[in-house]
């Protein structure tokens, strides 16, 4: 069974940066290469929401509030998806998860991002 292992979270001040990673454990290379992947987040007391996606074609899509601040990328050889987050705001505080674009697989444990002064 595929497992997503997220890492890279932490506590930063507003305006800071973090780079998250998500490794798709046990996913065969050809499947990962052809899968559209996405990052999601869940803030306290809120539903999980879409943040960014990257298609197999490398086209990307972003939540409006993170456009021009976040960048999603993918390393097929490492079966890993990244989320570079710049100019972080307190509203970005959440647990961040990755999954395929349909969120069809089991969720990992996520990685906590806290933005606070």
PDB file of N, CA and C in Angstrom:
ATOM      1  N   UNK A   1       0.846  -1.195   0.000  1.00  0.00           N
ATOM      2  CA  UNK A   1       0.000   0.000   0.000  1.00  0.00           C
ATOM      3  C   UNK A   1       0.881   1.243   0.000  1.00  0.00           C
ATOM      4  N   UNK A   2       0.522   2.210  -0.820  1.00  0.00           N
ATOM      5  CA  UNK A   2       1.291   3.448  -0.909  1.00  0.00           C
ATOM      6  C   UNK A   2       1.154   4.233   0.389  1.00  0.00           C
ATOM      7  N   UNK A   3       2.278   4.747   0.856  1.00  0.00           N
ATOM      8  CA  UNK A   3       2.279   5.627   2.020  1.00  0.00           C
ATOM      9  C   UNK A   3       2.944   6.935   1.634  1.00  0.00           C
ATOM     10  N   UNK A   4       2.345   8.023   2.078  1.00  0.00           N
ATOM     11  CA  UNK A   4       2.937   9.338   1.866  1.00  0.00           C
ATOM     12  C   UNK A   4       3.631   9.772   3.148  1.00  0.00           C
ATOM     13  N   UNK A   5       4.894  10.174   3.017  1.00  0.00           N
ATOM     14  CA  UNK A   5       5.678  10.603   4.174  1.00  0.00           C
ATOM     15  C   UNK A   5       6.062  12.064   3.973  1.00  0.00           C
ATOM     16  N   UNK A   6       5.386  12.928   4.725  1.00  0.00           N
ATOM     17  CA  UNK A   6       5.616  14.369   4.617  1.00  0.00           C
ATOM     18  C   UNK A   6       6.669  14.815   5.634  1.00  0.00           C
ATOM     19  N   UNK A   7       7.444  15.816   5.267  1.00  0.00           N
ATOM     20  CA  UNK A   7       8.482  16.341   6.158  1.00  0.00           C
ATOM     21  C   UNK A   7       8.785  17.789   5.792  1.00  0.00           C
ATOM     22  N   UNK A   8       9.505  18.468   6.681  1.00  0.00           N
ATOM     23  CA  UNK A   8       9.981  19.811   6.381  1.00  0.00           C
ATOM     24  C   UNK A   8       9.247  20.938   7.087  1.00  0.00           C
ATOM     25  N   UNK A   9       8.206  20.607   7.822  1.00  0.00           N
ATOM     26  CA  UNK A   9       7.468  21.641   8.527  1.00  0.00           C
ATOM     27  C   UNK A   9       8.269  22.230   9.683  1.00  0.00           C
ATOM     28  N   UNK A  10       7.694  23.247  10.301  1.00  0.00           N
ATOM     29  CA  UNK A  10       8.359  23.879  11.433  1.00  0.00           C
ATOM     30  C   UNK A  10       7.657  25.156  11.826  1.00  0.00           C
ATOM     31  N   UNK A  11       8.302  25.900  12.701  1.00  0.00           N
ATOM     32  CA  UNK A  11       7.770  27.177  13.160  1.00  0.00           C
ATOM     33  C   UNK A  11       8.626  28.301  12.588  1.00  0.00           C
ATOM     34  N   UNK A  12       7.971  29.250  11.936  1.00  0.00           N
ATOM     35  CA  UNK A  12       8.683  30.375  11.344  1.00  0.00           C
ATOM     36  C   UNK A  12       7.921  31.662  11.632  1.00  0.00           C
ATOM     37  N   UNK A  13       8.627  32.762  11.489  1.00  0.00           N
ATOM     38  CA  UNK A  13       7.981  34.065  11.626  1.00  0.00           C
ATOM     39  C   UNK A  13       7.327  34.459  10.314  1.00  0.00           C
ATOM     40  N   UNK A  14       6.360  35.349  10.365  1.00  0.00           N
ATOM     41  CA  UNK A  14       5.771  35.855   9.113  1.00  0.00           C
ATOM     42  C   UNK A  14       6.857  36.377   8.180  1.00  0.00           C
ATOM     43  N   UNK A  15       6.704  36.047   6.901  1.00  0.00           N
ATOM     44  CA  UNK A  15       7.710  36.419   5.917  1.00  0.00           C
ATOM     45  C   UNK A  15       8.769  35.366   5.703  1.00  0.00           C
ATOM     46  N   UNK A  16       8.794  34.344   6.539  1.00  0.00           N
ATOM     47  CA  UNK A  16       9.788  33.291   6.427  1.00  0.00           C
ATOM     48  C   UNK A  16       9.469  32.295   5.328  1.00  0.00           C
ATOM     49  N   UNK A  17      10.355  31.306   5.191  1.00  0.00           N
ATOM     50  CA  UNK A  17      10.217  30.291   4.149  1.00  0.00           C
ATOM     51  C   UNK A  17      10.396  28.886   4.722  1.00  0.00           C
ATOM     52  N   UNK A  18       9.769  27.937   4.086  1.00  0.00           N
ATOM     53  CA  UNK A  18       9.936  26.523   4.393  1.00  0.00           C
ATOM     54  C   UNK A  18       9.838  25.745   3.090  1.00  0.00           C
ATOM     55  N   UNK A  19      10.487  24.585   3.057  1.00  0.00           N
ATOM     56  CA  UNK A  19      10.365  23.676   1.928  1.00  0.00           C
ATOM     57  C   UNK A  19       9.883  22.332   2.440  1.00  0.00           C
ATOM     58  N   UNK A  20       8.693  21.968   2.017  1.00  0.00           N
ATOM     59  CA  UNK A  20       8.125  20.690   2.413  1.00  0.00           C
ATOM     60  C   UNK A  20       8.448  19.628   1.370  1.00  0.00           C
ATOM     61  N   UNK A  21       8.541  18.398   1.833  1.00  0.00           N
ATOM     62  CA  UNK A  21       8.732  17.276   0.919  1.00  0.00           C
ATOM     63  C   UNK A  21       7.734  16.183   1.250  1.00  0.00           C
ATOM     64  N   UNK A  22       7.404  15.404   0.244  1.00  0.00           N
ATOM     65  CA  UNK A  22       6.478  14.285   0.416  1.00  0.00           C
ATOM     66  C   UNK A  22       6.978  13.134  -0.442  1.00  0.00           C
ATOM     67  N   UNK A  23       7.376  12.071   0.209  1.00  0.00           N
ATOM     68  CA  UNK A  23       7.870  10.891  -0.509  1.00  0.00           C
ATOM     69  C   UNK A  23       6.761   9.858  -0.581  1.00  0.00           C
ATOM     70  N   UNK A  24       6.538   9.338  -1.772  1.00  0.00           N
ATOM     71  CA  UNK A  24       5.514   8.314  -1.982  1.00  0.00           C
ATOM     72  C   UNK A  24       6.164   6.948  -1.826  1.00  0.00           C
ATOM     73  N   UNK A  25       6.089   6.459  -0.608  1.00  0.00           N
ATOM     74  CA  UNK A  25       6.704   5.170  -0.308  1.00  0.00           C
ATOM     75  C   UNK A  25       5.892   4.048  -0.941  1.00  0.00           C
ATOM     76  N   UNK A  26       6.562   3.085  -1.528  1.00  0.00           N
ATOM     77  CA  UNK A  26       5.946   1.879  -2.104  1.00  0.00           C
ATOM     78  C   UNK A  26       5.154   2.135  -3.377  1.00  0.00           C
ATOM     79  N   UNK A  27       5.288   3.321  -3.951  1.00  0.00           N
ATOM     80  CA  UNK A  27       4.633   3.570  -5.239  1.00  0.00           C
ATOM     81  C   UNK A  27       5.658   3.289  -6.325  1.00  0.00           C
ATOM     82  N   UNK A  28       5.284   2.440  -7.292  1.00  0.00           N
ATOM     83  CA  UNK A  28       6.243   2.121  -8.333  1.00  0.00           C
ATOM     84  C   UNK A  28       6.494   3.348  -9.190  1.00  0.00           C
ATOM     85  N   UNK A  29       7.687   3.413  -9.766  1.00  0.00           N
ATOM     86  CA  UNK A  29       8.125   4.615 -10.446  1.00  0.00           C
ATOM     87  C   UNK A  29       7.181   5.036 -11.571  1.00  0.00           C
ATOM     88  N   UNK A  30       6.757   4.083 -12.370  1.00  0.00           N
ATOM     89  CA  UNK A  30       5.896   4.435 -13.504  1.00  0.00           C
ATOM     90  C   UNK A  30       4.571   5.012 -13.033  1.00  0.00           C
ATOM     91  N   UNK A  31       4.062   4.519 -11.933  1.00  0.00           N
ATOM     92  CA  UNK A  31       2.815   5.063 -11.393  1.00  0.00           C
ATOM     93  C   UNK A  31       3.029   6.484 -10.895  1.00  0.00           C
ATOM     94  N   UNK A  32       4.092   6.706 -10.139  1.00  0.00           N
ATOM     95  CA  UNK A  32       4.353   8.046  -9.627  1.00  0.00           C
ATOM     96  C   UNK A  32       4.548   9.038 -10.776  1.00  0.00           C
ATOM     97  N   UNK A  33       5.268   8.631 -11.778  1.00  0.00           N
ATOM     98  CA  UNK A  33       5.538   9.514 -12.916  1.00  0.00           C
ATOM     99  C   UNK A  33       4.256   9.951 -13.606  1.00  0.00           C
ATOM    100  N   UNK A  34       3.291   9.080 -13.662  1.00  0.00           N
ATOM    101  CA  UNK A  34       2.055   9.367 -14.391  1.00  0.00           C
ATOM    102  C   UNK A  34       0.938   9.910 -13.501  1.00  0.00           C
ATOM    103  N   UNK A  35       1.208  10.084 -12.222  1.00  0.00           N
ATOM    104  CA  UNK A  35       0.176  10.530 -11.283  1.00  0.00           C
ATOM    105  C   UNK A  35       0.230  12.039 -11.060  1.00  0.00           C
ATOM    106  N   UNK A  36      -0.925  12.677 -11.154  1.00  0.00           N
ATOM    107  CA  UNK A  36      -1.028  14.090 -10.794  1.00  0.00           C
ATOM    108  C   UNK A  36      -1.055  14.175  -9.282  1.00  0.00           C
ATOM    109  N   UNK A  37      -0.133  14.943  -8.714  1.00  0.00           N
ATOM    110  CA  UNK A  37       0.002  15.006  -7.271  1.00  0.00           C
ATOM    111  C   UNK A  37      -0.414  16.371  -6.743  1.00  0.00           C
ATOM    112  N   UNK A  38      -0.738  16.423  -5.453  1.00  0.00           N
ATOM    113  CA  UNK A  38      -1.202  17.683  -4.870  1.00  0.00           C
ATOM    114  C   UNK A  38      -0.802  17.795  -3.408  1.00  0.00           C
ATOM    115  N   UNK A  39      -0.741  19.028  -2.952  1.00  0.00           N
ATOM    116  CA  UNK A  39      -0.601  19.338  -1.545  1.00  0.00           C
ATOM    117  C   UNK A  39      -1.932  19.864  -1.024  1.00  0.00           C
ATOM    118  N   UNK A  40      -2.229  19.476   0.214  1.00  0.00           N
ATOM    119  CA  UNK A  40      -3.430  19.926   0.890  1.00  0.00           C
ATOM    120  C   UNK A  40      -3.008  20.421   2.270  1.00  0.00           C
ATOM    121  N   UNK A  41      -3.916  21.146   2.935  1.00  0.00           N
ATOM    122  CA  UNK A  41      -3.620  21.563   4.305  1.00  0.00           C
ATOM    123  C   UNK A  41      -4.903  21.607   5.120  1.00  0.00           C
ATOM    124  N   UNK A  42      -4.724  21.453   6.420  1.00  0.00           N
ATOM    125  CA  UNK A  42      -5.867  21.518   7.321  1.00  0.00           C
ATOM    126  C   UNK A  42      -5.483  22.358   8.524  1.00  0.00           C
ATOM    127  N   UNK A  43      -6.153  23.485   8.653  1.00  0.00           N
ATOM    128  CA  UNK A  43      -5.937  24.373   9.792  1.00  0.00           C
ATOM    129  C   UNK A  43      -6.842  23.937  10.940  1.00  0.00           C
ATOM    130  N   UNK A  44      -6.496  24.305  12.166  1.00  0.00           N
ATOM    131  CA  UNK A  44      -7.318  23.915  13.321  1.00  0.00           C
ATOM    132  C   UNK A  44      -8.764  24.363  13.140  1.00  0.00           C
ATOM    133  N   UNK A  45      -9.688  23.439  13.346  1.00  0.00           N
ATOM    134  CA  UNK A  45     -11.096  23.756  13.265  1.00  0.00           C
ATOM    135  C   UNK A  45     -11.640  23.944  11.865  1.00  0.00           C
ATOM    136  N   UNK A  46     -10.827  23.658  10.844  1.00  0.00           N
ATOM    137  CA  UNK A  46     -11.267  23.838   9.459  1.00  0.00           C
ATOM    138  C   UNK A  46     -11.145  22.531   8.678  1.00  0.00           C
ATOM    139  N   UNK A  47     -11.821  22.483   7.553  1.00  0.00           N
ATOM    140  CA  UNK A  47     -11.727  21.314   6.690  1.00  0.00           C
ATOM    141  C   UNK A  47     -10.417  21.350   5.912  1.00  0.00           C
ATOM    142  N   UNK A  48      -9.985  20.175   5.492  1.00  0.00           N
ATOM    143  CA  UNK A  48      -8.796  20.096   4.667  1.00  0.00           C
ATOM    144  C   UNK A  48      -9.068  20.782   3.330  1.00  0.00           C
ATOM    145  N   UNK A  49      -8.086  21.536   2.831  1.00  0.00           N
ATOM    146  CA  UNK A  49      -8.276  22.258   1.571  1.00  0.00           C
ATOM    147  C   UNK A  49      -7.108  22.010   0.625  1.00  0.00           C
ATOM    148  N   UNK A  50      -7.402  22.141  -0.633  1.00  0.00           N
ATOM    149  CA  UNK A  50      -6.402  22.039  -1.693  1.00  0.00           C
ATOM    150  C   UNK A  50      -5.465  23.242  -1.632  1.00  0.00           C
ATOM    151  N   UNK A  51      -4.169  22.989  -1.858  1.00  0.00           N
ATOM    152  CA  UNK A  51      -3.189  24.072  -1.868  1.00  0.00           C
ATOM    153  C   UNK A  51      -2.545  24.222  -3.240  1.00  0.00           C
ATOM    154  N   UNK A  52      -2.056  23.112  -3.781  1.00  0.00           N
ATOM    155  CA  UNK A  52      -1.344  23.179  -5.062  1.00  0.00           C
ATOM    156  C   UNK A  52      -1.316  21.797  -5.691  1.00  0.00           C
ATOM    157  N   UNK A  53      -1.229  21.764  -7.008  1.00  0.00           N
ATOM    158  CA  UNK A  53      -1.129  20.488  -7.708  1.00  0.00           C
ATOM    159  C   UNK A  53      -0.109  20.579  -8.831  1.00  0.00           C
ATOM    160  N   UNK A  54       0.427  19.416  -9.187  1.00  0.00           N
ATOM    161  CA  UNK A  54       1.325  19.312 -10.326  1.00  0.00           C
ATOM    162  C   UNK A  54       0.946  18.069 -11.107  1.00  0.00           C
ATOM    163  N   UNK A  55       0.703  18.275 -12.383  1.00  0.00           N
ATOM    164  CA  UNK A  55       0.295  17.168 -13.236  1.00  0.00           C
ATOM    165  C   UNK A  55       1.519  16.400 -13.739  1.00  0.00           C
ATOM    166  N   UNK A  56       1.252  15.252 -14.311  1.00  0.00           N
ATOM    167  CA  UNK A  56       2.331  14.483 -14.918  1.00  0.00           C
ATOM    168  C   UNK A  56       3.018  15.299 -16.008  1.00  0.00           C
ATOM    169  N   UNK A  57       2.258  16.180 -16.627  1.00  0.00           N
ATOM    170  CA  UNK A  57       2.795  17.064 -17.665  1.00  0.00           C
ATOM    171  C   UNK A  57       3.613  18.216 -17.086  1.00  0.00           C
ATOM    172  N   UNK A  58       3.617  18.326 -15.755  1.00  0.00           N
ATOM    173  CA  UNK A  58       4.325  19.388 -15.017  1.00  0.00           C
ATOM    174  C   UNK A  58       3.537  20.694 -14.962  1.00  0.00           C
ATOM    175  N   UNK A  59       2.327  20.710 -15.505  1.00  0.00           N
ATOM    176  CA  UNK A  59       1.514  21.913 -15.333  1.00  0.00           C
ATOM    177  C   UNK A  59       1.100  22.009 -13.866  1.00  0.00           C
ATOM    178  N   UNK A  60       0.945  23.221 -13.377  1.00  0.00           N
ATOM    179  CA  UNK A  60       0.670  23.426 -11.956  1.00  0.00           C
ATOM    180  C   UNK A  60      -0.593  24.265 -11.760  1.00  0.00           C
ATOM    181  N   UNK A  61      -1.138  24.155 -10.569  1.00  0.00           N
ATOM    182  CA  UNK A  61      -2.326  24.902 -10.206  1.00  0.00           C
ATOM    183  C   UNK A  61      -2.222  25.230  -8.718  1.00  0.00           C
ATOM    184  N   UNK A  62      -2.718  26.417  -8.334  1.00  0.00           N
ATOM    185  CA  UNK A  62      -2.560  26.869  -6.949  1.00  0.00           C
ATOM    186  C   UNK A  62      -3.849  27.460  -6.401  1.00  0.00           C
ATOM    187  N   UNK A  63      -4.005  27.324  -5.097  1.00  0.00           N
ATOM    188  CA  UNK A  63      -5.019  28.063  -4.366  1.00  0.00           C
ATOM    189  C   UNK A  63      -4.701  29.546  -4.544  1.00  0.00           C
ATOM    190  N   UNK A  64      -5.720  30.358  -4.755  1.00  0.00           N
ATOM    191  CA  UNK A  64      -5.475  31.779  -5.039  1.00  0.00           C
ATOM    192  C   UNK A  64      -4.613  32.447  -3.965  1.00  0.00           C
ATOM    193  N   UNK A  65      -4.846  32.106  -2.721  1.00  0.00           N
ATOM    194  CA  UNK A  65      -4.162  32.805  -1.633  1.00  0.00           C
ATOM    195  C   UNK A  65      -2.668  32.464  -1.537  1.00  0.00           C
ATOM    196  N   UNK A  66      -2.216  31.432  -2.249  1.00  0.00           N
ATOM    197  CA  UNK A  66      -0.797  31.062  -2.181  1.00  0.00           C
ATOM    198  C   UNK A  66      -0.071  31.323  -3.497  1.00  0.00           C
ATOM    199  N   UNK A  67      -0.820  31.732  -4.515  1.00  0.00           N
ATOM    200  CA  UNK A  67      -0.174  32.025  -5.805  1.00  0.00           C
ATOM    201  C   UNK A  67       0.916  33.073  -5.608  1.00  0.00           C
ATOM    202  N   UNK A  68       1.997  32.908  -6.312  1.00  0.00           N
ATOM    203  CA  UNK A  68       3.156  33.817  -6.283  1.00  0.00           C
ATOM    204  C   UNK A  68       3.951  33.702  -4.992  1.00  0.00           C
ATOM    205  N   UNK A  69       3.520  32.844  -4.060  1.00  0.00           N
ATOM    206  CA  UNK A  69       4.287  32.622  -2.829  1.00  0.00           C
ATOM    207  C   UNK A  69       4.767  31.175  -2.719  1.00  0.00           C
ATOM    208  N   UNK A  70       3.955  30.227  -3.187  1.00  0.00           N
ATOM    209  CA  UNK A  70       4.274  28.813  -3.086  1.00  0.00           C
ATOM    210  C   UNK A  70       4.619  28.268  -4.472  1.00  0.00           C
ATOM    211  N   UNK A  71       5.516  27.287  -4.505  1.00  0.00           N
ATOM    212  CA  UNK A  71       5.873  26.613  -5.753  1.00  0.00           C
ATOM    213  C   UNK A  71       5.913  25.115  -5.518  1.00  0.00           C
ATOM    214  N   UNK A  72       5.147  24.380  -6.321  1.00  0.00           N
ATOM    215  CA  UNK A  72       5.135  22.927  -6.230  1.00  0.00           C
ATOM    216  C   UNK A  72       6.053  22.364  -7.311  1.00  0.00           C
ATOM    217  N   UNK A  73       6.767  21.297  -6.968  1.00  0.00           N
ATOM    218  CA  UNK A  73       7.641  20.635  -7.930  1.00  0.00           C
ATOM    219  C   UNK A  73       7.666  19.149  -7.623  1.00  0.00           C
ATOM    220  N   UNK A  74       8.258  18.403  -8.545  1.00  0.00           N
ATOM    221  CA  UNK A  74       8.211  16.941  -8.439  1.00  0.00           C
ATOM    222  C   UNK A  74       9.512  16.348  -8.943  1.00  0.00           C
ATOM    223  N   UNK A  75      10.060  15.397  -8.207  1.00  0.00           N
ATOM    224  CA  UNK A  75      11.242  14.645  -8.640  1.00  0.00           C
ATOM    225  C   UNK A  75      10.819  13.202  -8.791  1.00  0.00           C
ATOM    226  N   UNK A  76      10.572  12.799 -10.027  1.00  0.00           N
ATOM    227  CA  UNK A  76      10.060  11.448 -10.253  1.00  0.00           C
ATOM    228  C   UNK A  76      11.039  10.380  -9.775  1.00  0.00           C
ATOM    229  N   UNK A  77      12.316  10.599 -10.008  1.00  0.00           N
ATOM    230  CA  UNK A  77      13.306   9.602  -9.616  1.00  0.00           C
ATOM    231  C   UNK A  77      13.318   9.335  -8.117  1.00  0.00           C
ATOM    232  N   UNK A  78      13.001  10.361  -7.352  1.00  0.00           N
ATOM    233  CA  UNK A  78      12.952  10.223  -5.895  1.00  0.00           C
ATOM    234  C   UNK A  78      11.538   9.969  -5.395  1.00  0.00           C
ATOM    235  N   UNK A  79      10.596   9.887  -6.333  1.00  0.00           N
ATOM    236  CA  UNK A  79       9.190   9.697  -5.950  1.00  0.00           C
ATOM    237  C   UNK A  79       8.781  10.727  -4.898  1.00  0.00           C
ATOM    238  N   UNK A  80       9.182  11.949  -5.096  1.00  0.00           N
ATOM    239  CA  UNK A  80       8.988  12.995  -4.097  1.00  0.00           C
ATOM    240  C   UNK A  80       8.383  14.251  -4.718  1.00  0.00           C
ATOM    241  N   UNK A  81       7.456  14.833  -3.989  1.00  0.00           N
ATOM    242  CA  UNK A  81       6.854  16.103  -4.354  1.00  0.00           C
ATOM    243  C   UNK A  81       7.289  17.143  -3.325  1.00  0.00           C
ATOM    244  N   UNK A  82       7.565  18.347  -3.798  1.00  0.00           N
ATOM    245  CA  UNK A  82       8.023  19.418  -2.916  1.00  0.00           C
ATOM    246  C   UNK A  82       7.040  20.582  -2.936  1.00  0.00           C
ATOM    247  N   UNK A  83       7.065  21.360  -1.861  1.00  0.00           N
ATOM    248  CA  UNK A  83       6.308  22.605  -1.821  1.00  0.00           C
ATOM    249  C   UNK A  83       7.215  23.659  -1.202  1.00  0.00           C
ATOM    250  N   UNK A  84       7.695  24.559  -2.037  1.00  0.00           N
ATOM    251  CA  UNK A  84       8.488  25.684  -1.561  1.00  0.00           C
ATOM    252  C   UNK A  84       7.537  26.786  -1.154  1.00  0.00           C
ATOM    253  N   UNK A  85       7.617  27.201   0.098  1.00  0.00           N
ATOM    254  CA  UNK A  85       6.696  28.198   0.624  1.00  0.00           C
ATOM    255  C   UNK A  85       7.489  29.430   1.051  1.00  0.00           C
ATOM    256  N   UNK A  86       7.234  30.545   0.409  1.00  0.00           N
ATOM    257  CA  UNK A  86       7.893  31.811   0.726  1.00  0.00           C
ATOM    258  C   UNK A  86       6.863  32.815   1.232  1.00  0.00           C
ATOM    259  N   UNK A  87       7.362  33.864   1.849  1.00  0.00           N
ATOM    260  CA  UNK A  87       6.487  34.942   2.352  1.00  0.00           C
ATOM    261  C   UNK A  87       5.330  34.370   3.169  1.00  0.00           C
ATOM    262  N   UNK A  88       5.643  33.488   4.061  1.00  0.00           N
ATOM    263  CA  UNK A  88       4.611  32.810   4.839  1.00  0.00           C
ATOM    264  C   UNK A  88       3.838  33.787   5.711  1.00  0.00           C
ATOM    265  N   UNK A  89       2.562  33.507   5.846  1.00  0.00           N
ATOM    266  CA  UNK A  89       1.638  34.342   6.617  1.00  0.00           C
ATOM    267  C   UNK A  89       1.022  33.494   7.728  1.00  0.00           C
ATOM    268  N   UNK A  90       0.559  34.141   8.799  1.00  0.00           N
ATOM    269  CA  UNK A  90      -0.078  33.368   9.882  1.00  0.00           C
ATOM    270  C   UNK A  90      -1.225  32.490   9.378  1.00  0.00           C
ATOM    271  N   UNK A  91      -1.904  32.938   8.325  1.00  0.00           N
ATOM    272  CA  UNK A  91      -3.021  32.170   7.768  1.00  0.00           C
ATOM    273  C   UNK A  91      -2.567  30.869   7.099  1.00  0.00           C
ATOM    274  N   UNK A  92      -1.275  30.706   6.890  1.00  0.00           N
ATOM    275  CA  UNK A  92      -0.745  29.471   6.316  1.00  0.00           C
ATOM    276  C   UNK A  92      -0.538  28.392   7.369  1.00  0.00           C
ATOM    277  N   UNK A  93      -0.739  28.728   8.616  1.00  0.00           N
ATOM    278  CA  UNK A  93      -0.576  27.751   9.689  1.00  0.00           C
ATOM    279  C   UNK A  93      -1.554  26.609   9.517  1.00  0.00           C
ATOM    280  N   UNK A  94      -1.032  25.392   9.452  1.00  0.00           N
ATOM    281  CA  UNK A  94      -1.857  24.212   9.209  1.00  0.00           C
ATOM    282  C   UNK A  94      -0.962  22.974   9.217  1.00  0.00           C
ATOM    283  N   UNK A  95      -1.607  21.827   9.179  1.00  0.00           N
ATOM    284  CA  UNK A  95      -0.901  20.582   8.890  1.00  0.00           C
ATOM    285  C   UNK A  95      -0.996  20.357   7.382  1.00  0.00           C
ATOM    286  N   UNK A  96       0.134  20.125   6.763  1.00  0.00           N
ATOM    287  CA  UNK A  96       0.207  19.969   5.317  1.00  0.00           C
ATOM    288  C   UNK A  96       0.357  18.490   4.954  1.00  0.00           C
ATOM    289  N   UNK A  97      -0.420  18.073   3.951  1.00  0.00           N
ATOM    290  CA  UNK A  97      -0.439  16.692   3.483  1.00  0.00           C
ATOM    291  C   UNK A  97      -0.264  16.657   1.967  1.00  0.00           C
ATOM    292  N   UNK A  98       0.204  15.524   1.473  1.00  0.00           N
ATOM    293  CA  UNK A  98       0.171  15.333   0.026  1.00  0.00           C
ATOM    294  C   UNK A  98      -0.679  14.099  -0.280  1.00  0.00           C
ATOM    295  N   UNK A  99      -1.124  14.030  -1.522  1.00  0.00           N
ATOM    296  CA  UNK A  99      -1.919  12.915  -2.008  1.00  0.00           C
ATOM    297  C   UNK A  99      -2.004  13.072  -3.519  1.00  0.00           C
ATOM    298  N   UNK A 100      -2.624  12.128  -4.187  1.00  0.00           N
ATOM    299  CA  UNK A 100      -2.849  12.360  -5.611  1.00  0.00           C
ATOM    300  C   UNK A 100      -3.958  13.395  -5.765  1.00  0.00           C
ATOM    301  N   UNK A 101      -4.182  13.858  -6.979  1.00  0.00           N
ATOM    302  CA  UNK A 101      -5.083  14.987  -7.203  1.00  0.00           C
ATOM    303  C   UNK A 101      -6.521  14.658  -6.803  1.00  0.00           C
ATOM    304  N   UNK A 102      -6.879  13.397  -6.794  1.00  0.00           N
ATOM    305  CA  UNK A 102      -8.230  13.018  -6.386  1.00  0.00           C
ATOM    306  C   UNK A 102      -8.281  12.653  -4.903  1.00  0.00           C
ATOM    307  N   UNK A 103      -7.168  12.789  -4.215  1.00  0.00           N
ATOM    308  CA  UNK A 103      -7.105  12.417  -2.799  1.00  0.00           C
ATOM    309  C   UNK A 103      -7.658  11.012  -2.594  1.00  0.00           C
ATOM    310  N   UNK A 104      -7.239  10.112  -3.454  1.00  0.00           N
ATOM    311  CA  UNK A 104      -7.832   8.781  -3.457  1.00  0.00           C
ATOM    312  C   UNK A 104      -7.075   7.777  -2.593  1.00  0.00           C
ATOM    313  N   UNK A 105      -5.916   8.158  -2.111  1.00  0.00           N
ATOM    314  CA  UNK A 105      -5.106   7.226  -1.327  1.00  0.00           C
ATOM    315  C   UNK A 105      -5.133   7.593   0.158  1.00  0.00           C
ATOM    316  N   UNK A 106      -4.634   6.714   0.977  1.00  0.00           N
ATOM    317  CA  UNK A 106      -4.608   6.969   2.412  1.00  0.00           C
ATOM    318  C   UNK A 106      -3.746   8.189   2.716  1.00  0.00           C
ATOM    319  N   UNK A 107      -4.161   8.941   3.698  1.00  0.00           N
ATOM    320  CA  UNK A 107      -3.420  10.130   4.096  1.00  0.00           C
ATOM    321  C   UNK A 107      -2.231   9.750   4.978  1.00  0.00           C
ATOM    322  N   UNK A 108      -1.155  10.499   4.830  1.00  0.00           N
ATOM    323  CA  UNK A 108      -0.028  10.355   5.724  1.00  0.00           C
ATOM    324  C   UNK A 108      -0.277  11.136   7.005  1.00  0.00           C
ATOM    325  N   UNK A 109       0.774  11.264   7.809  1.00  0.00           N
ATOM    326  CA  UNK A 109       0.629  11.973   9.078  1.00  0.00           C
ATOM    327  C   UNK A 109       0.716  13.483   8.906  1.00  0.00           C
ATOM    328  N   UNK A 110       1.203  13.923   7.773  1.00  0.00           N
ATOM    329  CA  UNK A 110       1.307  15.354   7.540  1.00  0.00           C
ATOM    330  C   UNK A 110       2.507  15.964   8.251  1.00  0.00           C
ATOM    331  N   UNK A 111       2.712  17.239   7.968  1.00  0.00           N
ATOM    332  CA  UNK A 111       3.794  17.973   8.622  1.00  0.00           C
ATOM    333  C   UNK A 111       3.253  19.334   9.053  1.00  0.00           C
ATOM    334  N   UNK A 112       3.514  19.700  10.299  1.00  0.00           N
ATOM    335  CA  UNK A 112       2.951  20.912  10.884  1.00  0.00           C
ATOM    336  C   UNK A 112       3.743  22.141  10.460  1.00  0.00           C
ATOM    337  N   UNK A 113       3.026  23.144   9.991  1.00  0.00           N
ATOM    338  CA  UNK A 113       3.611  24.442   9.680  1.00  0.00           C
ATOM    339  C   UNK A 113       2.951  25.483  10.571  1.00  0.00           C
ATOM    340  N   UNK A 114       3.761  26.203  11.335  1.00  0.00           N
ATOM    341  CA  UNK A 114       3.249  27.234  12.218  1.00  0.00           C
ATOM    342  C   UNK A 114       3.940  28.551  11.883  1.00  0.00           C
ATOM    343  N   UNK A 115       3.126  29.563  11.570  1.00  0.00           N
ATOM    344  CA  UNK A 115       3.653  30.884  11.230  1.00  0.00           C
ATOM    345  C   UNK A 115       3.160  31.862  12.289  1.00  0.00           C
ATOM    346  N   UNK A 116       4.091  32.356  13.068  1.00  0.00           N
ATOM    347  CA  UNK A 116       3.713  33.214  14.187  1.00  0.00           C
ATOM    348  C   UNK A 116       4.882  34.098  14.580  1.00  0.00           C
ATOM    349  N   UNK A 117       4.546  35.307  15.029  1.00  0.00           N
ATOM    350  CA  UNK A 117       5.583  36.205  15.513  1.00  0.00           C
ATOM    351  C   UNK A 117       5.747  36.067  17.024  1.00  0.00           C
TER     352      UNK A 117
END
